[in-house]
């Protein structure tokens, strides 16, 4: 085995093992302990974070920041990966901001000259525009860690001008129009809610002893349909802060919500406006001529949101039901007329 191949295999081996000794590696690779020591020294110089412990029970181990083995990319793959990371630069807050910048710089540095030249030519000719926001999102990392680790968090959350403590179990985080959102199980409401991350004034791991629910099978891709899957779960009312609605494994209760039937006719321009909204996917229907409609059962408590949205569409939308929504739109328009009369 050539030295270069042995070093590559050794890098993958030490990344796979939690702890190892020189003698073990020497036997596995069929070389002398002295050769393994030299190879480990070279790996350390290449950046592999090795830690040695002396004594009868000592040995080597790789620190948590494991180094991935070299991966071969085609030119097209390298360009695609670069611009996928490059697009994140518009976000001032990321759960891995510093790491993404360092990875992009390292990736660019080790590219061949002609690939770098090609990227330099393309950098100012393609972009993924994200609205600039003044909001701050300092808790993205802990929210993501809680989602993957099934942890309960206590948050100081502001909504409708009021701040209150909430116990939540995050499902994930996502960005939309420059803002970050966190869908999470809310122990106060007894169901999944979406929280604006910039409205979280403080986030910490729960120390009150709330038992995490088994949400391993719930993720960003299926959270909206989760209530339908849970038809057999108990339906419970609103809980006081700190109460666990249902601690049985795999069972997440949902509240009985008063629903309203929504039907809104849309022009072509109205359809295009709705297509830009993340929430509209399950409600939007499009005809062959480009017009369409919004239809579905929505929580009655969300009607004020739809009223403001429809007003923003002006003549591109017409509410047919519920009449309560049409009435709310008339009230808002009357209030606006008073301001400008």
C-alpha atoms as a PDB file:
ATOM      1  CA  UNK A   1       0.000   0.000   0.000  1.00  0.00           C
ATOM      2  CA  UNK A   2       1.371   3.409  -0.966  1.00  0.00           C
ATOM      3  CA  UNK A   3       1.916   5.997   1.736  1.00  0.00           C
ATOM      4  CA  UNK A   4      -0.676   8.407   0.305  1.00  0.00           C
ATOM      5  CA  UNK A   5      -3.351   5.697   0.233  1.00  0.00           C
ATOM      6  CA  UNK A   6      -2.395   4.596   3.759  1.00  0.00           C
ATOM      7  CA  UNK A   7      -2.740   8.160   5.045  1.00  0.00           C
ATOM      8  CA  UNK A   8      -6.161   8.493   3.424  1.00  0.00           C
ATOM      9  CA  UNK A   9      -7.328   5.163   4.865  1.00  0.00           C
ATOM     10  CA  UNK A  10      -5.849   6.108   8.237  1.00  0.00           C
ATOM     11  CA  UNK A  11      -7.754   9.418   8.224  1.00  0.00           C
ATOM     12  CA  UNK A  12     -11.043   7.607   7.608  1.00  0.00           C
ATOM     13  CA  UNK A  13     -10.216   4.990  10.246  1.00  0.00           C
ATOM     14  CA  UNK A  14      -9.408   7.440  13.048  1.00  0.00           C
ATOM     15  CA  UNK A  15     -12.543   9.445  12.219  1.00  0.00           C
ATOM     16  CA  UNK A  16     -14.594   6.282  12.569  1.00  0.00           C
ATOM     17  CA  UNK A  17     -13.034   5.201  15.875  1.00  0.00           C
ATOM     18  CA  UNK A  18     -13.658   7.057  19.119  1.00  0.00           C
ATOM     19  CA  UNK A  19     -10.420   5.937  20.673  1.00  0.00           C
ATOM     20  CA  UNK A  20      -7.481   3.854  19.474  1.00  0.00           C
ATOM     21  CA  UNK A  21      -3.889   2.905  20.215  1.00  0.00           C
ATOM     22  CA  UNK A  22      -0.832   2.879  17.999  1.00  0.00           C
ATOM     23  CA  UNK A  23      -0.561  -0.880  18.454  1.00  0.00           C
ATOM     24  CA  UNK A  24      -4.126  -1.419  17.224  1.00  0.00           C
ATOM     25  CA  UNK A  25      -3.567   0.669  14.110  1.00  0.00           C
ATOM     26  CA  UNK A  26      -0.218  -0.965  13.394  1.00  0.00           C
ATOM     27  CA  UNK A  27      -1.882  -4.389  13.461  1.00  0.00           C
ATOM     28  CA  UNK A  28      -4.783  -3.222  11.312  1.00  0.00           C
ATOM     29  CA  UNK A  29      -2.547  -1.673   8.636  1.00  0.00           C
ATOM     30  CA  UNK A  30       0.250  -4.229   8.819  1.00  0.00           C
ATOM     31  CA  UNK A  31       3.016  -1.710   9.520  1.00  0.00           C
ATOM     32  CA  UNK A  32       5.288  -0.977  12.463  1.00  0.00           C
ATOM     33  CA  UNK A  33       4.165   1.207  15.411  1.00  0.00           C
ATOM     34  CA  UNK A  34       6.907   3.671  14.446  1.00  0.00           C
ATOM     35  CA  UNK A  35       5.366   4.064  10.980  1.00  0.00           C
ATOM     36  CA  UNK A  36       1.913   4.661  12.495  1.00  0.00           C
ATOM     37  CA  UNK A  37       3.370   7.305  14.810  1.00  0.00           C
ATOM     38  CA  UNK A  38       4.879   9.128  11.824  1.00  0.00           C
ATOM     39  CA  UNK A  39       1.584   8.877   9.937  1.00  0.00           C
ATOM     40  CA  UNK A  40      -0.381  10.242  12.898  1.00  0.00           C
ATOM     41  CA  UNK A  41       2.044  13.135  13.140  1.00  0.00           C
ATOM     42  CA  UNK A  42       1.479  13.926   9.459  1.00  0.00           C
ATOM     43  CA  UNK A  43      -2.300  13.783   9.924  1.00  0.00           C
ATOM     44  CA  UNK A  44      -1.957  16.228  12.801  1.00  0.00           C
ATOM     45  CA  UNK A  45       0.008  18.597  10.578  1.00  0.00           C
ATOM     46  CA  UNK A  46      -2.756  18.309   7.964  1.00  0.00           C
ATOM     47  CA  UNK A  47      -5.311  19.482  10.528  1.00  0.00           C
ATOM     48  CA  UNK A  48      -6.759  16.269  11.957  1.00  0.00           C
ATOM     49  CA  UNK A  49      -7.487  17.174  15.640  1.00  0.00           C
ATOM     50  CA  UNK A  50      -5.765  14.274  17.441  1.00  0.00           C
ATOM     51  CA  UNK A  51      -5.481  14.119  21.220  1.00  0.00           C
ATOM     52  CA  UNK A  52      -3.090  11.739  22.988  1.00  0.00           C
ATOM     53  CA  UNK A  53      -3.321  10.344  26.525  1.00  0.00           C
ATOM     54  CA  UNK A  54      -0.319   8.783  28.262  1.00  0.00           C
ATOM     55  CA  UNK A  55      -0.361   5.902  30.718  1.00  0.00           C
ATOM     56  CA  UNK A  56      -1.306   2.215  30.669  1.00  0.00           C
ATOM     57  CA  UNK A  57      -4.859   3.016  29.538  1.00  0.00           C
ATOM     58  CA  UNK A  58      -3.859   5.846  27.236  1.00  0.00           C
ATOM     59  CA  UNK A  59      -4.050   6.127  23.494  1.00  0.00           C
ATOM     60  CA  UNK A  60      -5.275   8.523  20.850  1.00  0.00           C
ATOM     61  CA  UNK A  61      -8.649  10.005  20.117  1.00  0.00           C
ATOM     62  CA  UNK A  62     -10.051  12.481  17.623  1.00  0.00           C
ATOM     63  CA  UNK A  63     -11.616  15.597  19.128  1.00  0.00           C
ATOM     64  CA  UNK A  64     -15.236  16.439  18.400  1.00  0.00           C
ATOM     65  CA  UNK A  65     -14.381  18.561  15.359  1.00  0.00           C
ATOM     66  CA  UNK A  66     -13.860  15.562  13.136  1.00  0.00           C
ATOM     67  CA  UNK A  67     -12.153  16.093   9.786  1.00  0.00           C
ATOM     68  CA  UNK A  68     -13.870  14.580   6.775  1.00  0.00           C
ATOM     69  CA  UNK A  69     -11.759  12.591   4.323  1.00  0.00           C
ATOM     70  CA  UNK A  70     -11.037  14.144   0.910  1.00  0.00           C
ATOM     71  CA  UNK A  71     -13.996  14.039  -1.469  1.00  0.00           C
ATOM     72  CA  UNK A  72     -13.654  14.300  -5.242  1.00  0.00           C
ATOM     73  CA  UNK A  73     -16.038  16.712  -6.985  1.00  0.00           C
ATOM     74  CA  UNK A  74     -16.595  17.340 -10.666  1.00  0.00           C
ATOM     75  CA  UNK A  75     -16.276  20.953 -11.813  1.00  0.00           C
ATOM     76  CA  UNK A  76     -20.061  21.325 -12.060  1.00  0.00           C
ATOM     77  CA  UNK A  77     -20.547  19.869  -8.569  1.00  0.00           C
ATOM     78  CA  UNK A  78     -17.938  22.233  -7.128  1.00  0.00           C
ATOM     79  CA  UNK A  79     -19.615  25.269  -8.712  1.00  0.00           C
ATOM     80  CA  UNK A  80     -23.052  24.151  -7.476  1.00  0.00           C
ATOM     81  CA  UNK A  81     -21.810  23.655  -3.899  1.00  0.00           C
ATOM     82  CA  UNK A  82     -20.065  27.028  -3.915  1.00  0.00           C
ATOM     83  CA  UNK A  83     -23.151  28.961  -4.964  1.00  0.00           C
ATOM     84  CA  UNK A  84     -25.425  27.014  -2.608  1.00  0.00           C
ATOM     85  CA  UNK A  85     -23.274  28.286   0.269  1.00  0.00           C
ATOM     86  CA  UNK A  86     -22.665  31.677  -1.341  1.00  0.00           C
ATOM     87  CA  UNK A  87     -26.418  32.364  -1.297  1.00  0.00           C
ATOM     88  CA  UNK A  88     -26.439  32.272   2.512  1.00  0.00           C
ATOM     89  CA  UNK A  89     -24.378  35.466   2.732  1.00  0.00           C
ATOM     90  CA  UNK A  90     -27.574  37.558   2.672  1.00  0.00           C
ATOM     91  CA  UNK A  91     -28.568  36.155   6.053  1.00  0.00           C
ATOM     92  CA  UNK A  92     -26.927  38.020   8.925  1.00  0.00           C
ATOM     93  CA  UNK A  93     -27.989  35.208  11.258  1.00  0.00           C
ATOM     94  CA  UNK A  94     -27.518  31.490  10.620  1.00  0.00           C
ATOM     95  CA  UNK A  95     -27.291  28.552  13.028  1.00  0.00           C
ATOM     96  CA  UNK A  96     -23.793  27.973  11.579  1.00  0.00           C
ATOM     97  CA  UNK A  97     -22.746  31.405  10.282  1.00  0.00           C
ATOM     98  CA  UNK A  98     -19.015  31.285  11.068  1.00  0.00           C
ATOM     99  CA  UNK A  99     -18.689  27.660   9.955  1.00  0.00           C
ATOM    100  CA  UNK A 100     -20.359  28.323   6.599  1.00  0.00           C
ATOM    101  CA  UNK A 101     -18.062  31.285   5.893  1.00  0.00           C
ATOM    102  CA  UNK A 102     -14.963  29.267   6.839  1.00  0.00           C
ATOM    103  CA  UNK A 103     -16.084  26.289   4.748  1.00  0.00           C
ATOM    104  CA  UNK A 104     -16.743  28.474   1.710  1.00  0.00           C
ATOM    105  CA  UNK A 105     -13.336  30.151   1.965  1.00  0.00           C
ATOM    106  CA  UNK A 106     -11.595  26.797   2.353  1.00  0.00           C
ATOM    107  CA  UNK A 107     -13.552  25.281  -0.526  1.00  0.00           C
ATOM    108  CA  UNK A 108     -12.716  28.213  -2.812  1.00  0.00           C
ATOM    109  CA  UNK A 109      -9.037  28.215  -1.820  1.00  0.00           C
ATOM    110  CA  UNK A 110      -8.462  24.588  -2.810  1.00  0.00           C
ATOM    111  CA  UNK A 111     -10.195  24.818  -6.182  1.00  0.00           C
ATOM    112  CA  UNK A 112      -8.115  24.779  -9.317  1.00  0.00           C
ATOM    113  CA  UNK A 113      -7.378  28.143 -10.895  1.00  0.00           C
ATOM    114  CA  UNK A 114      -9.693  27.677 -13.863  1.00  0.00           C
ATOM    115  CA  UNK A 115     -12.639  26.731 -11.625  1.00  0.00           C
ATOM    116  CA  UNK A 116     -11.993  29.783  -9.426  1.00  0.00           C
ATOM    117  CA  UNK A 117     -11.903  31.965 -12.553  1.00  0.00           C
ATOM    118  CA  UNK A 118     -15.240  30.542 -13.666  1.00  0.00           C
ATOM    119  CA  UNK A 119     -16.800  31.206 -10.250  1.00  0.00           C
ATOM    120  CA  UNK A 120     -15.421  34.752 -10.216  1.00  0.00           C
ATOM    121  CA  UNK A 121     -17.096  35.372 -13.575  1.00  0.00           C
ATOM    122  CA  UNK A 122     -20.423  34.004 -12.318  1.00  0.00           C
ATOM    123  CA  UNK A 123     -20.484  35.549  -8.810  1.00  0.00           C
ATOM    124  CA  UNK A 124     -21.934  38.853  -9.992  1.00  0.00           C
ATOM    125  CA  UNK A 125     -24.267  37.298 -12.550  1.00  0.00           C
ATOM    126  CA  UNK A 126     -26.352  35.026 -10.317  1.00  0.00           C
ATOM    127  CA  UNK A 127     -27.859  35.684  -6.922  1.00  0.00           C
ATOM    128  CA  UNK A 128     -30.550  34.479  -4.524  1.00  0.00           C
ATOM    129  CA  UNK A 129     -32.067  37.686  -3.208  1.00  0.00           C
ATOM    130  CA  UNK A 130     -33.354  37.769   0.364  1.00  0.00           C
ATOM    131  CA  UNK A 131     -35.039  40.838   1.872  1.00  0.00           C
ATOM    132  CA  UNK A 132     -32.746  42.699   4.251  1.00  0.00           C
ATOM    133  CA  UNK A 133     -34.113  42.616   7.795  1.00  0.00           C
ATOM    134  CA  UNK A 134     -33.148  44.583  10.883  1.00  0.00           C
ATOM    135  CA  UNK A 135     -34.475  41.834  13.168  1.00  0.00           C
ATOM    136  CA  UNK A 136     -32.039  39.797  15.234  1.00  0.00           C
ATOM    137  CA  UNK A 137     -32.071  36.012  15.535  1.00  0.00           C
ATOM    138  CA  UNK A 138     -29.453  35.062  18.158  1.00  0.00           C
ATOM    139  CA  UNK A 139     -31.028  31.753  19.220  1.00  0.00           C
ATOM    140  CA  UNK A 140     -31.081  29.778  15.955  1.00  0.00           C
ATOM    141  CA  UNK A 141     -28.366  27.329  17.036  1.00  0.00           C
ATOM    142  CA  UNK A 142     -30.055  26.337  20.310  1.00  0.00           C
ATOM    143  CA  UNK A 143     -33.438  25.999  18.570  1.00  0.00           C
ATOM    144  CA  UNK A 144     -31.975  23.696  15.920  1.00  0.00           C
ATOM    145  CA  UNK A 145     -30.104  21.672  18.539  1.00  0.00           C
ATOM    146  CA  UNK A 146     -33.315  21.265  20.552  1.00  0.00           C
ATOM    147  CA  UNK A 147     -35.185  20.109  17.440  1.00  0.00           C
ATOM    148  CA  UNK A 148     -32.640  17.420  16.601  1.00  0.00           C
ATOM    149  CA  UNK A 149     -32.089  16.442  20.245  1.00  0.00           C
ATOM    150  CA  UNK A 150     -35.770  16.336  21.302  1.00  0.00           C
ATOM    151  CA  UNK A 151     -35.329  18.955  24.035  1.00  0.00           C
ATOM    152  CA  UNK A 152     -37.837  21.207  25.774  1.00  0.00           C
ATOM    153  CA  UNK A 153     -37.007  24.923  25.888  1.00  0.00           C
ATOM    154  CA  UNK A 154     -38.288  27.833  27.931  1.00  0.00           C
ATOM    155  CA  UNK A 155     -38.659  30.998  25.862  1.00  0.00           C
ATOM    156  CA  UNK A 156     -39.497  34.610  26.670  1.00  0.00           C
ATOM    157  CA  UNK A 157     -41.805  35.341  23.730  1.00  0.00           C
ATOM    158  CA  UNK A 158     -43.470  38.542  22.575  1.00  0.00           C
ATOM    159  CA  UNK A 159     -46.788  38.416  20.750  1.00  0.00           C
ATOM    160  CA  UNK A 160     -49.322  41.191  20.160  1.00  0.00           C
ATOM    161  CA  UNK A 161     -47.185  43.554  22.216  1.00  0.00           C
ATOM    162  CA  UNK A 162     -47.125  41.313  25.291  1.00  0.00           C
ATOM    163  CA  UNK A 163     -44.323  39.129  26.619  1.00  0.00           C
ATOM    164  CA  UNK A 164     -44.841  35.790  28.304  1.00  0.00           C
ATOM    165  CA  UNK A 165     -42.929  32.618  29.116  1.00  0.00           C
ATOM    166  CA  UNK A 166     -43.631  29.570  26.965  1.00  0.00           C
ATOM    167  CA  UNK A 167     -42.446  25.976  27.161  1.00  0.00           C
ATOM    168  CA  UNK A 168     -41.884  24.620  23.651  1.00  0.00           C
ATOM    169  CA  UNK A 169     -40.316  21.623  21.929  1.00  0.00           C
ATOM    170  CA  UNK A 170     -38.954  22.745  18.528  1.00  0.00           C
ATOM    171  CA  UNK A 171     -39.493  20.715  15.372  1.00  0.00           C
ATOM    172  CA  UNK A 172     -37.070  22.729  13.260  1.00  0.00           C
ATOM    173  CA  UNK A 173     -36.364  26.206  11.919  1.00  0.00           C
ATOM    174  CA  UNK A 174     -36.842  27.741   8.491  1.00  0.00           C
ATOM    175  CA  UNK A 175     -36.290  31.086   6.795  1.00  0.00           C
ATOM    176  CA  UNK A 176     -38.874  32.883   4.683  1.00  0.00           C
ATOM    177  CA  UNK A 177     -38.576  36.389   3.201  1.00  0.00           C
ATOM    178  CA  UNK A 178     -35.584  37.136   5.392  1.00  0.00           C
ATOM    179  CA  UNK A 179     -37.268  36.096   8.656  1.00  0.00           C
ATOM    180  CA  UNK A 180     -36.669  32.944  10.702  1.00  0.00           C
ATOM    181  CA  UNK A 181     -39.501  30.814  12.059  1.00  0.00           C
ATOM    182  CA  UNK A 182     -39.598  27.907  14.510  1.00  0.00           C
ATOM    183  CA  UNK A 183     -42.494  25.413  14.365  1.00  0.00           C
ATOM    184  CA  UNK A 184     -42.701  23.853  17.818  1.00  0.00           C
ATOM    185  CA  UNK A 185     -45.008  21.966  20.129  1.00  0.00           C
ATOM    186  CA  UNK A 186     -46.379  24.520  22.597  1.00  0.00           C
ATOM    187  CA  UNK A 187     -47.109  23.110  26.037  1.00  0.00           C
ATOM    188  CA  UNK A 188     -49.387  26.081  26.763  1.00  0.00           C
ATOM    189  CA  UNK A 189     -51.588  25.641  23.684  1.00  0.00           C
ATOM    190  CA  UNK A 190     -51.339  21.867  23.544  1.00  0.00           C
ATOM    191  CA  UNK A 191     -50.413  21.741  19.863  1.00  0.00           C
ATOM    192  CA  UNK A 192     -47.937  22.743  17.182  1.00  0.00           C
ATOM    193  CA  UNK A 193     -47.489  26.484  16.682  1.00  0.00           C
ATOM    194  CA  UNK A 194     -45.118  28.582  14.559  1.00  0.00           C
ATOM    195  CA  UNK A 195     -43.001  31.108  16.476  1.00  0.00           C
ATOM    196  CA  UNK A 196     -41.155  34.105  15.017  1.00  0.00           C
ATOM    197  CA  UNK A 197     -37.541  33.695  16.112  1.00  0.00           C
ATOM    198  CA  UNK A 198     -36.929  37.448  16.310  1.00  0.00           C
ATOM    199  CA  UNK A 199     -39.689  37.720  18.924  1.00  0.00           C
ATOM    200  CA  UNK A 200     -37.811  35.443  21.302  1.00  0.00           C
ATOM    201  CA  UNK A 201     -36.119  37.644  23.896  1.00  0.00           C
ATOM    202  CA  UNK A 202     -34.531  34.717  25.759  1.00  0.00           C
ATOM    203  CA  UNK A 203     -34.185  30.978  25.154  1.00  0.00           C
ATOM    204  CA  UNK A 204     -32.870  28.368  27.567  1.00  0.00           C
ATOM    205  CA  UNK A 205     -33.122  24.623  28.114  1.00  0.00           C
ATOM    206  CA  UNK A 206     -36.035  23.729  30.396  1.00  0.00           C
ATOM    207  CA  UNK A 207     -35.062  22.931  33.987  1.00  0.00           C
ATOM    208  CA  UNK A 208     -38.602  22.464  35.340  1.00  0.00           C
ATOM    209  CA  UNK A 209     -38.627  18.783  34.446  1.00  0.00           C
ATOM    210  CA  UNK A 210     -41.113  18.808  31.552  1.00  0.00           C
ATOM    211  CA  UNK A 211     -40.994  15.435  29.801  1.00  0.00           C
ATOM    212  CA  UNK A 212     -40.122  15.790  26.082  1.00  0.00           C
ATOM    213  CA  UNK A 213     -42.672  14.351  23.678  1.00  0.00           C
ATOM    214  CA  UNK A 214     -41.652  11.813  21.052  1.00  0.00           C
ATOM    215  CA  UNK A 215     -41.569  14.056  17.984  1.00  0.00           C
ATOM    216  CA  UNK A 216     -38.848  12.214  16.092  1.00  0.00           C
ATOM    217  CA  UNK A 217     -41.242  11.457  13.242  1.00  0.00           C
ATOM    218  CA  UNK A 218     -42.494  15.062  12.988  1.00  0.00           C
ATOM    219  CA  UNK A 219     -40.466  17.431  10.808  1.00  0.00           C
ATOM    220  CA  UNK A 220     -40.840  20.528   8.643  1.00  0.00           C
ATOM    221  CA  UNK A 221     -42.100  18.473   5.723  1.00  0.00           C
ATOM    222  CA  UNK A 222     -45.066  16.875   7.492  1.00  0.00           C
ATOM    223  CA  UNK A 223     -45.919  19.179  10.388  1.00  0.00           C
ATOM    224  CA  UNK A 224     -48.968  20.714   8.661  1.00  0.00           C
ATOM    225  CA  UNK A 225     -50.551  17.297   8.159  1.00  0.00           C
ATOM    226  CA  UNK A 226     -49.628  16.100  11.631  1.00  0.00           C
ATOM    227  CA  UNK A 227     -52.963  17.050  13.212  1.00  0.00           C
ATOM    228  CA  UNK A 228     -54.750  14.863  10.669  1.00  0.00           C
ATOM    229  CA  UNK A 229     -52.496  11.908  11.475  1.00  0.00           C
ATOM    230  CA  UNK A 230     -53.273  12.366  15.174  1.00  0.00           C
ATOM    231  CA  UNK A 231     -57.036  11.903  14.872  1.00  0.00           C
ATOM    232  CA  UNK A 232     -56.925   9.225  17.558  1.00  0.00           C
ATOM    233  CA  UNK A 233     -55.127  11.427  20.048  1.00  0.00           C
ATOM    234  CA  UNK A 234     -56.994  13.041  22.904  1.00  0.00           C
ATOM    235  CA  UNK A 235     -58.328  16.506  22.219  1.00  0.00           C
ATOM    236  CA  UNK A 236     -57.608  18.764  25.164  1.00  0.00           C
ATOM    237  CA  UNK A 237     -58.283  22.385  25.955  1.00  0.00           C
ATOM    238  CA  UNK A 238     -55.813  25.109  26.735  1.00  0.00           C
ATOM    239  CA  UNK A 239     -53.296  24.277  29.459  1.00  0.00           C
ATOM    240  CA  UNK A 240     -51.701  26.448  32.050  1.00  0.00           C
ATOM    241  CA  UNK A 241     -47.960  27.129  31.558  1.00  0.00           C
ATOM    242  CA  UNK A 242     -45.896  24.107  32.552  1.00  0.00           C
ATOM    243  CA  UNK A 243     -48.636  21.505  32.184  1.00  0.00           C
ATOM    244  CA  UNK A 244     -47.880  18.540  29.939  1.00  0.00           C
ATOM    245  CA  UNK A 245     -50.916  17.816  27.811  1.00  0.00           C
ATOM    246  CA  UNK A 246     -50.220  14.154  27.141  1.00  0.00           C
ATOM    247  CA  UNK A 247     -47.044  12.375  28.189  1.00  0.00           C
ATOM    248  CA  UNK A 248     -47.755   9.072  26.457  1.00  0.00           C
ATOM    249  CA  UNK A 249     -45.008   8.225  24.028  1.00  0.00           C
ATOM    250  CA  UNK A 250     -45.738   9.219  20.469  1.00  0.00           C
ATOM    251  CA  UNK A 251     -49.043  10.909  21.298  1.00  0.00           C
ATOM    252  CA  UNK A 252     -49.287  14.647  20.849  1.00  0.00           C
ATOM    253  CA  UNK A 253     -52.743  16.085  21.530  1.00  0.00           C
ATOM    254  CA  UNK A 254     -54.214  18.920  19.506  1.00  0.00           C
ATOM    255  CA  UNK A 255     -56.775  21.471  20.580  1.00  0.00           C
ATOM    256  CA  UNK A 256     -60.307  21.572  19.233  1.00  0.00           C
ATOM    257  CA  UNK A 257     -60.202  24.667  17.040  1.00  0.00           C
ATOM    258  CA  UNK A 258     -63.248  26.483  15.758  1.00  0.00           C
ATOM    259  CA  UNK A 259     -62.850  26.348  11.981  1.00  0.00           C
ATOM    260  CA  UNK A 260     -64.258  28.555   9.254  1.00  0.00           C
ATOM    261  CA  UNK A 261     -64.743  27.568   5.633  1.00  0.00           C
ATOM    262  CA  UNK A 262     -62.645  29.853   3.435  1.00  0.00           C
ATOM    263  CA  UNK A 263     -63.312  30.561  -0.246  1.00  0.00           C
ATOM    264  CA  UNK A 264     -61.633  33.483  -2.017  1.00  0.00           C
ATOM    265  CA  UNK A 265     -61.670  34.011  -5.794  1.00  0.00           C
ATOM    266  CA  UNK A 266     -58.376  35.217  -7.302  1.00  0.00           C
ATOM    267  CA  UNK A 267     -57.353  36.916 -10.537  1.00  0.00           C
ATOM    268  CA  UNK A 268     -54.100  35.934 -12.256  1.00  0.00           C
ATOM    269  CA  UNK A 269     -52.286  38.632 -10.299  1.00  0.00           C
ATOM    270  CA  UNK A 270     -53.923  37.414  -7.108  1.00  0.00           C
ATOM    271  CA  UNK A 271     -52.716  33.883  -7.774  1.00  0.00           C
ATOM    272  CA  UNK A 272     -49.173  35.126  -8.338  1.00  0.00           C
ATOM    273  CA  UNK A 273     -49.270  37.035  -5.041  1.00  0.00           C
ATOM    274  CA  UNK A 274     -50.499  33.941  -3.187  1.00  0.00           C
ATOM    275  CA  UNK A 275     -47.829  31.749  -4.761  1.00  0.00           C
ATOM    276  CA  UNK A 276     -45.215  33.875  -2.982  1.00  0.00           C
ATOM    277  CA  UNK A 277     -46.760  33.014   0.407  1.00  0.00           C
ATOM    278  CA  UNK A 278     -45.516  29.876   2.148  1.00  0.00           C
ATOM    279  CA  UNK A 279     -48.807  29.280   3.979  1.00  0.00           C
ATOM    280  CA  UNK A 280     -50.933  29.197   0.797  1.00  0.00           C
ATOM    281  CA  UNK A 281     -49.698  25.844  -0.539  1.00  0.00           C
ATOM    282  CA  UNK A 282     -52.535  23.786   0.984  1.00  0.00           C
ATOM    283  CA  UNK A 283     -55.267  26.313   0.097  1.00  0.00           C
ATOM    284  CA  UNK A 284     -54.348  27.579  -3.374  1.00  0.00           C
ATOM    285  CA  UNK A 285     -56.001  26.130  -6.507  1.00  0.00           C
ATOM    286  CA  UNK A 286     -55.091  27.341 -10.006  1.00  0.00           C
ATOM    287  CA  UNK A 287     -57.168  27.106 -13.189  1.00  0.00           C
ATOM    288  CA  UNK A 288     -55.751  26.615 -16.677  1.00  0.00           C
ATOM    289  CA  UNK A 289     -56.278  30.295 -17.508  1.00  0.00           C
ATOM    290  CA  UNK A 290     -54.101  31.356 -14.555  1.00  0.00           C
ATOM    291  CA  UNK A 291     -56.915  32.489 -12.272  1.00  0.00           C
ATOM    292  CA  UNK A 292     -57.642  30.537  -9.126  1.00  0.00           C
ATOM    293  CA  UNK A 293     -59.056  30.452  -5.646  1.00  0.00           C
ATOM    294  CA  UNK A 294     -58.183  29.853  -2.006  1.00  0.00           C
ATOM    295  CA  UNK A 295     -60.311  27.173  -0.375  1.00  0.00           C
ATOM    296  CA  UNK A 296     -60.126  25.225   2.851  1.00  0.00           C
ATOM    297  CA  UNK A 297     -60.949  25.106   6.542  1.00  0.00           C
ATOM    298  CA  UNK A 298     -58.925  27.612   8.551  1.00  0.00           C
ATOM    299  CA  UNK A 299     -58.949  28.476  12.271  1.00  0.00           C
ATOM    300  CA  UNK A 300     -61.509  31.192  12.966  1.00  0.00           C
ATOM    301  CA  UNK A 301     -58.871  32.997  15.017  1.00  0.00           C
ATOM    302  CA  UNK A 302     -56.842  33.466  11.790  1.00  0.00           C
ATOM    303  CA  UNK A 303     -59.551  35.475  10.005  1.00  0.00           C
ATOM    304  CA  UNK A 304     -58.007  38.859  10.997  1.00  0.00           C
ATOM    305  CA  UNK A 305     -54.818  37.760   9.208  1.00  0.00           C
ATOM    306  CA  UNK A 306     -56.739  36.842   6.044  1.00  0.00           C
ATOM    307  CA  UNK A 307     -58.628  40.145   6.200  1.00  0.00           C
ATOM    308  CA  UNK A 308     -55.385  42.129   6.133  1.00  0.00           C
ATOM    309  CA  UNK A 309     -53.991  39.891   3.396  1.00  0.00           C
ATOM    310  CA  UNK A 310     -57.041  40.297   1.143  1.00  0.00           C
ATOM    311  CA  UNK A 311     -56.987  44.089   1.592  1.00  0.00           C
ATOM    312  CA  UNK A 312     -53.386  44.016   0.383  1.00  0.00           C
ATOM    313  CA  UNK A 313     -54.524  42.256  -2.815  1.00  0.00           C
ATOM    314  CA  UNK A 314     -57.009  45.067  -3.591  1.00  0.00           C
ATOM    315  CA  UNK A 315     -59.162  44.087  -6.596  1.00  0.00           C
ATOM    316  CA  UNK A 316     -57.239  40.870  -7.239  1.00  0.00           C
ATOM    317  CA  UNK A 317     -59.252  38.929  -4.621  1.00  0.00           C
ATOM    318  CA  UNK A 318     -62.940  38.558  -3.726  1.00  0.00           C
ATOM    319  CA  UNK A 319     -64.106  36.849  -0.529  1.00  0.00           C
ATOM    320  CA  UNK A 320     -67.136  34.610  -1.035  1.00  0.00           C
ATOM    321  CA  UNK A 321     -67.064  32.953   2.368  1.00  0.00           C
ATOM    322  CA  UNK A 322     -67.114  33.235   5.297  1.00  0.00           C
ATOM    323  CA  UNK A 323     -69.214  36.356   5.594  1.00  0.00           C
ATOM    324  CA  UNK A 324     -67.455  37.072   8.882  1.00  0.00           C
ATOM    325  CA  UNK A 325     -64.258  37.625   6.901  1.00  0.00           C
ATOM    326  CA  UNK A 326     -66.011  39.983   4.488  1.00  0.00           C
ATOM    327  CA  UNK A 327     -67.392  41.882   7.466  1.00  0.00           C
ATOM    328  CA  UNK A 328     -63.956  42.152   9.046  1.00  0.00           C
ATOM    329  CA  UNK A 329     -62.566  43.560   5.773  1.00  0.00           C
ATOM    330  CA  UNK A 330     -65.318  46.219   5.725  1.00  0.00           C
ATOM    331  CA  UNK A 331     -64.450  47.181   9.310  1.00  0.00           C
ATOM    332  CA  UNK A 332     -60.749  47.540   8.518  1.00  0.00           C
ATOM    333  CA  UNK A 333     -61.460  49.592   5.397  1.00  0.00           C
ATOM    334  CA  UNK A 334     -63.779  51.866   7.383  1.00  0.00           C
ATOM    335  CA  UNK A 335     -61.060  52.401   9.980  1.00  0.00           C
ATOM    336  CA  UNK A 336     -58.599  53.236   7.202  1.00  0.00           C
ATOM    337  CA  UNK A 337     -61.023  55.727   5.626  1.00  0.00           C
ATOM    338  CA  UNK A 338     -61.346  57.534   8.948  1.00  0.00           C
ATOM    339  CA  UNK A 339     -57.578  57.988   9.052  1.00  0.00           C
ATOM    340  CA  UNK A 340     -57.479  59.535   5.586  1.00  0.00           C
ATOM    341  CA  UNK A 341     -60.741  61.478   5.639  1.00  0.00           C
END
